[in-house]
Amino acid sequence: MNFISNDDLKLFITDGDLQTLTGGDTTLLDKAENLAVEEMKSYVAVRYDTDALFVNPLREPLKSILMDIMLWHLHANISPDHIPELRKERYDAAMKWLEKLAGGEINPDFPVKEDKEGTPLRYGSGKKFNHYY
């Protein structure tokens, strides 16, 4: 895993439960982390520089959100209809936080995306039609 360590995960899930979710396959953890990171980037990229933001070590608020999303995906991988209520609540809270972040309601000290100079902007209208016969 790139951003999350096993010690980080111990705050959110016991070793036994994690073993049950992954079946001992650590590649599932990597896949779940990558999926969660891409999901987070889709929200964060609206306002923030994702290349500067998603570096190791990951900032604590993002790390917590990442683990919530990651664990939700691991549970959904095993039994999508029987995800524990705690995981659903934490996933929903994480999504709301990301939506607020993207909408500008939350303004943490994250690296803001810089506007590119010379971005083409076209305005005006098309050629006027004259329908005189």
C-alpha atoms as a PDB file:
ATOM      1  CA  MET A   1       0.000   0.000   0.000  1.00  0.00           C
ATOM      2  CA  ASN A   2       1.268   3.439  -0.885  1.00  0.00           C
ATOM      3  CA  PHE A   3      -0.402   5.719   1.653  1.00  0.00           C
ATOM      4  CA  ILE A   4      -1.765   3.439   4.391  1.00  0.00           C
ATOM      5  CA  SER A   5       0.213   1.154   6.663  1.00  0.00           C
ATOM      6  CA  ASN A   6      -1.069  -1.844   8.578  1.00  0.00           C
ATOM      7  CA  ASP A   7      -0.622   0.155  11.784  1.00  0.00           C
ATOM      8  CA  ASP A   8      -2.917   2.851  10.378  1.00  0.00           C
ATOM      9  CA  LEU A   9      -5.570   0.269   9.570  1.00  0.00           C
ATOM     10  CA  LYS A  10      -5.500  -1.049  13.160  1.00  0.00           C
ATOM     11  CA  LEU A  11      -7.268   2.146  14.232  1.00  0.00           C
ATOM     12  CA  PHE A  12     -10.221   1.273  12.000  1.00  0.00           C
ATOM     13  CA  ILE A  13     -10.382  -2.528  11.913  1.00  0.00           C
ATOM     14  CA  THR A  14      -9.033  -5.468  13.889  1.00  0.00           C
ATOM     15  CA  ASP A  15      -6.441  -7.803  12.388  1.00  0.00           C
ATOM     16  CA  GLY A  16      -8.926 -10.674  12.447  1.00  0.00           C
ATOM     17  CA  ASP A  17     -11.597  -8.743  10.581  1.00  0.00           C
ATOM     18  CA  LEU A  18      -9.051  -7.532   8.031  1.00  0.00           C
ATOM     19  CA  GLN A  19      -7.870 -11.111   7.549  1.00  0.00           C
ATOM     20  CA  THR A  20     -11.498 -12.152   6.954  1.00  0.00           C
ATOM     21  CA  LEU A  21     -11.999  -9.378   4.396  1.00  0.00           C
ATOM     22  CA  THR A  22      -8.836 -10.062   2.436  1.00  0.00           C
ATOM     23  CA  GLY A  23      -8.385 -13.784   3.000  1.00  0.00           C
ATOM     24  CA  GLY A  24      -4.711 -13.022   3.560  1.00  0.00           C
ATOM     25  CA  ASP A  25      -4.353 -11.588   0.045  1.00  0.00           C
ATOM     26  CA  THR A  26      -2.481  -8.293   0.420  1.00  0.00           C
ATOM     27  CA  THR A  27      -3.056  -7.414  -3.239  1.00  0.00           C
ATOM     28  CA  LEU A  28      -6.706  -6.790  -2.317  1.00  0.00           C
ATOM     29  CA  LEU A  29      -5.551  -4.062   0.060  1.00  0.00           C
ATOM     30  CA  ASP A  30      -3.508  -2.465  -2.719  1.00  0.00           C
ATOM     31  CA  LYS A  31      -6.426  -2.608  -5.136  1.00  0.00           C
ATOM     32  CA  ALA A  32      -8.854  -1.189  -2.583  1.00  0.00           C
ATOM     33  CA  GLU A  33      -6.439   1.618  -1.748  1.00  0.00           C
ATOM     34  CA  ASN A  34      -5.929   2.496  -5.421  1.00  0.00           C
ATOM     35  CA  LEU A  35      -9.683   2.474  -6.016  1.00  0.00           C
ATOM     36  CA  ALA A  36     -10.276   4.727  -3.004  1.00  0.00           C
ATOM     37  CA  VAL A  37      -7.515   7.141  -4.067  1.00  0.00           C
ATOM     38  CA  GLU A  38      -8.971   7.476  -7.563  1.00  0.00           C
ATOM     39  CA  GLU A  39     -12.433   8.028  -6.102  1.00  0.00           C
ATOM     40  CA  MET A  40     -11.062  10.740  -3.829  1.00  0.00           C
ATOM     41  CA  LYS A  41      -9.134  12.383  -6.659  1.00  0.00           C
ATOM     42  CA  SER A  42     -12.313  12.678  -8.700  1.00  0.00           C
ATOM     43  CA  TYR A  43     -13.735  14.957  -5.992  1.00  0.00           C
ATOM     44  CA  VAL A  44     -10.554  16.756  -4.945  1.00  0.00           C
ATOM     45  CA  ALA A  45      -9.289  17.524  -8.469  1.00  0.00           C
ATOM     46  CA  VAL A  46     -11.960  20.190  -8.886  1.00  0.00           C
ATOM     47  CA  ARG A  47     -10.106  22.641  -6.645  1.00  0.00           C
ATOM     48  CA  TYR A  48      -6.832  21.088  -5.524  1.00  0.00           C
ATOM     49  CA  ASP A  49      -3.576  19.937  -7.098  1.00  0.00           C
ATOM     50  CA  THR A  50      -3.829  16.154  -6.764  1.00  0.00           C
ATOM     51  CA  ASP A  51      -0.170  15.574  -7.668  1.00  0.00           C
ATOM     52  CA  ALA A  52       0.949  17.724  -4.740  1.00  0.00           C
ATOM     53  CA  LEU A  53      -1.798  16.519  -2.411  1.00  0.00           C
ATOM     54  CA  PHE A  54      -1.475  12.756  -2.827  1.00  0.00           C
ATOM     55  CA  VAL A  55       2.119  12.297  -1.720  1.00  0.00           C
ATOM     56  CA  ASN A  56       3.510  10.210   1.081  1.00  0.00           C
ATOM     57  CA  PRO A  57       2.959  10.890   3.948  1.00  0.00           C
ATOM     58  CA  LEU A  58      -0.687  11.621   3.299  1.00  0.00           C
ATOM     59  CA  ARG A  59      -2.331  14.346   5.392  1.00  0.00           C
ATOM     60  CA  GLU A  60      -4.342  12.967   8.312  1.00  0.00           C
ATOM     61  CA  PRO A  61      -7.854  14.047   7.213  1.00  0.00           C
ATOM     62  CA  LEU A  62      -7.284  12.453   3.814  1.00  0.00           C
ATOM     63  CA  LYS A  63      -5.811   9.328   5.376  1.00  0.00           C
ATOM     64  CA  SER A  64      -8.910   8.823   7.508  1.00  0.00           C
ATOM     65  CA  ILE A  65     -11.230   9.346   4.527  1.00  0.00           C
ATOM     66  CA  LEU A  66      -9.084   6.998   2.437  1.00  0.00           C
ATOM     67  CA  MET A  67      -9.331   4.218   5.014  1.00  0.00           C
ATOM     68  CA  ASP A  68     -13.107   4.595   5.322  1.00  0.00           C
ATOM     69  CA  ILE A  69     -13.577   4.352   1.559  1.00  0.00           C
ATOM     70  CA  MET A  70     -11.062   1.525   1.299  1.00  0.00           C
ATOM     71  CA  LEU A  71     -12.741  -0.579   3.983  1.00  0.00           C
ATOM     72  CA  TRP A  72     -16.169   0.039   2.456  1.00  0.00           C
ATOM     73  CA  HIS A  73     -14.887  -1.302  -0.872  1.00  0.00           C
ATOM     74  CA  LEU A  74     -13.384  -4.351   0.820  1.00  0.00           C
ATOM     75  CA  HIS A  75     -16.715  -5.133   2.502  1.00  0.00           C
ATOM     76  CA  ALA A  76     -18.583  -4.526  -0.761  1.00  0.00           C
ATOM     77  CA  ASN A  77     -16.227  -6.934  -2.499  1.00  0.00           C
ATOM     78  CA  ILE A  78     -17.288  -9.784  -0.208  1.00  0.00           C
ATOM     79  CA  SER A  79     -20.983  -9.119   0.239  1.00  0.00           C
ATOM     80  CA  PRO A  80     -22.454  -5.952  -1.280  1.00  0.00           C
ATOM     81  CA  ASP A  81     -25.854  -6.512   0.326  1.00  0.00           C
ATOM     82  CA  HIS A  82     -24.468  -7.057   3.838  1.00  0.00           C
ATOM     83  CA  ILE A  83     -22.056  -4.205   4.471  1.00  0.00           C
ATOM     84  CA  PRO A  84     -21.924  -3.384   8.197  1.00  0.00           C
ATOM     85  CA  GLU A  85     -23.894  -0.289   9.189  1.00  0.00           C
ATOM     86  CA  LEU A  86     -20.766   1.364  10.629  1.00  0.00           C
ATOM     87  CA  ARG A  87     -18.973   1.072   7.282  1.00  0.00           C
ATOM     88  CA  LYS A  88     -21.981   2.491   5.420  1.00  0.00           C
ATOM     89  CA  GLU A  89     -22.200   5.453   7.802  1.00  0.00           C
ATOM     90  CA  ARG A  90     -18.487   6.177   7.619  1.00  0.00           C
ATOM     91  CA  TYR A  91     -18.478   5.861   3.820  1.00  0.00           C
ATOM     92  CA  ASP A  92     -21.457   8.229   3.529  1.00  0.00           C
ATOM     93  CA  ALA A  93     -19.753  10.702   5.878  1.00  0.00           C
ATOM     94  CA  ALA A  94     -16.563  10.488   3.813  1.00  0.00           C
ATOM     95  CA  MET A  95     -18.483  11.166   0.597  1.00  0.00           C
ATOM     96  CA  LYS A  96     -20.263  14.157   2.164  1.00  0.00           C
ATOM     97  CA  TRP A  97     -16.927  15.541   3.344  1.00  0.00           C
ATOM     98  CA  LEU A  98     -15.448  15.160  -0.142  1.00  0.00           C
ATOM     99  CA  GLU A  99     -18.496  16.842  -1.690  1.00  0.00           C
ATOM    100  CA  LYS A 100     -18.158  19.766   0.715  1.00  0.00           C
ATOM    101  CA  LEU A 101     -14.452  19.951  -0.049  1.00  0.00           C
ATOM    102  CA  ALA A 102     -15.092  20.031  -3.792  1.00  0.00           C
ATOM    103  CA  GLY A 103     -17.883  22.597  -3.354  1.00  0.00           C
ATOM    104  CA  GLY A 104     -15.732  24.961  -1.321  1.00  0.00           C
ATOM    105  CA  GLU A 105     -17.676  24.615   1.934  1.00  0.00           C
ATOM    106  CA  ILE A 106     -14.555  23.235   3.629  1.00  0.00           C
ATOM    107  CA  ASN A 107     -11.245  25.007   3.069  1.00  0.00           C
ATOM    108  CA  PRO A 108      -8.330  23.031   4.499  1.00  0.00           C
ATOM    109  CA  ASP A 109      -4.743  24.060   3.893  1.00  0.00           C
ATOM    110  CA  PHE A 110      -4.321  21.942   0.751  1.00  0.00           C
ATOM    111  CA  PRO A 111      -2.330  22.926  -2.349  1.00  0.00           C
ATOM    112  CA  VAL A 112      -4.755  24.734  -4.649  1.00  0.00           C
ATOM    113  CA  LYS A 113      -4.811  23.973  -8.347  1.00  0.00           C
ATOM    114  CA  GLU A 114      -3.268  26.814 -10.306  1.00  0.00           C
ATOM    115  CA  ASP A 115      -5.036  28.226 -13.317  1.00  0.00           C
ATOM    116  CA  LYS A 116      -3.167  27.616 -16.540  1.00  0.00           C
ATOM    117  CA  GLU A 117      -2.223  30.682 -18.539  1.00  0.00           C
ATOM    118  CA  GLY A 118      -3.583  30.895 -22.023  1.00  0.00           C
ATOM    119  CA  THR A 119      -6.454  28.505 -21.579  1.00  0.00           C
ATOM    120  CA  PRO A 120      -8.564  29.095 -24.672  1.00  0.00           C
ATOM    121  CA  LEU A 121     -11.925  30.607 -23.954  1.00  0.00           C
ATOM    122  CA  ARG A 122     -14.329  31.235 -26.765  1.00  0.00           C
ATOM    123  CA  TYR A 123     -17.307  33.469 -26.398  1.00  0.00           C
ATOM    124  CA  GLY A 124     -19.726  35.051 -28.788  1.00  0.00           C
ATOM    125  CA  SER A 125     -22.204  33.637 -31.209  1.00  0.00           C
ATOM    126  CA  GLY A 126     -22.285  31.893 -34.518  1.00  0.00           C
ATOM    127  CA  LYS A 127     -22.714  33.549 -37.893  1.00  0.00           C
ATOM    128  CA  LYS A 128     -26.080  35.224 -38.320  1.00  0.00           C
ATOM    129  CA  PHE A 129     -28.428  33.585 -40.782  1.00  0.00           C
ATOM    130  CA  ASN A 130     -30.445  35.674 -43.206  1.00  0.00           C
ATOM    131  CA  HIS A 131     -33.444  33.896 -44.616  1.00  0.00           C
ATOM    132  CA  TYR A 132     -34.604  36.410 -47.205  1.00  0.00           C
ATOM    133  CA  TYR A 133     -35.952  35.056 -50.461  1.00  0.00           C
END
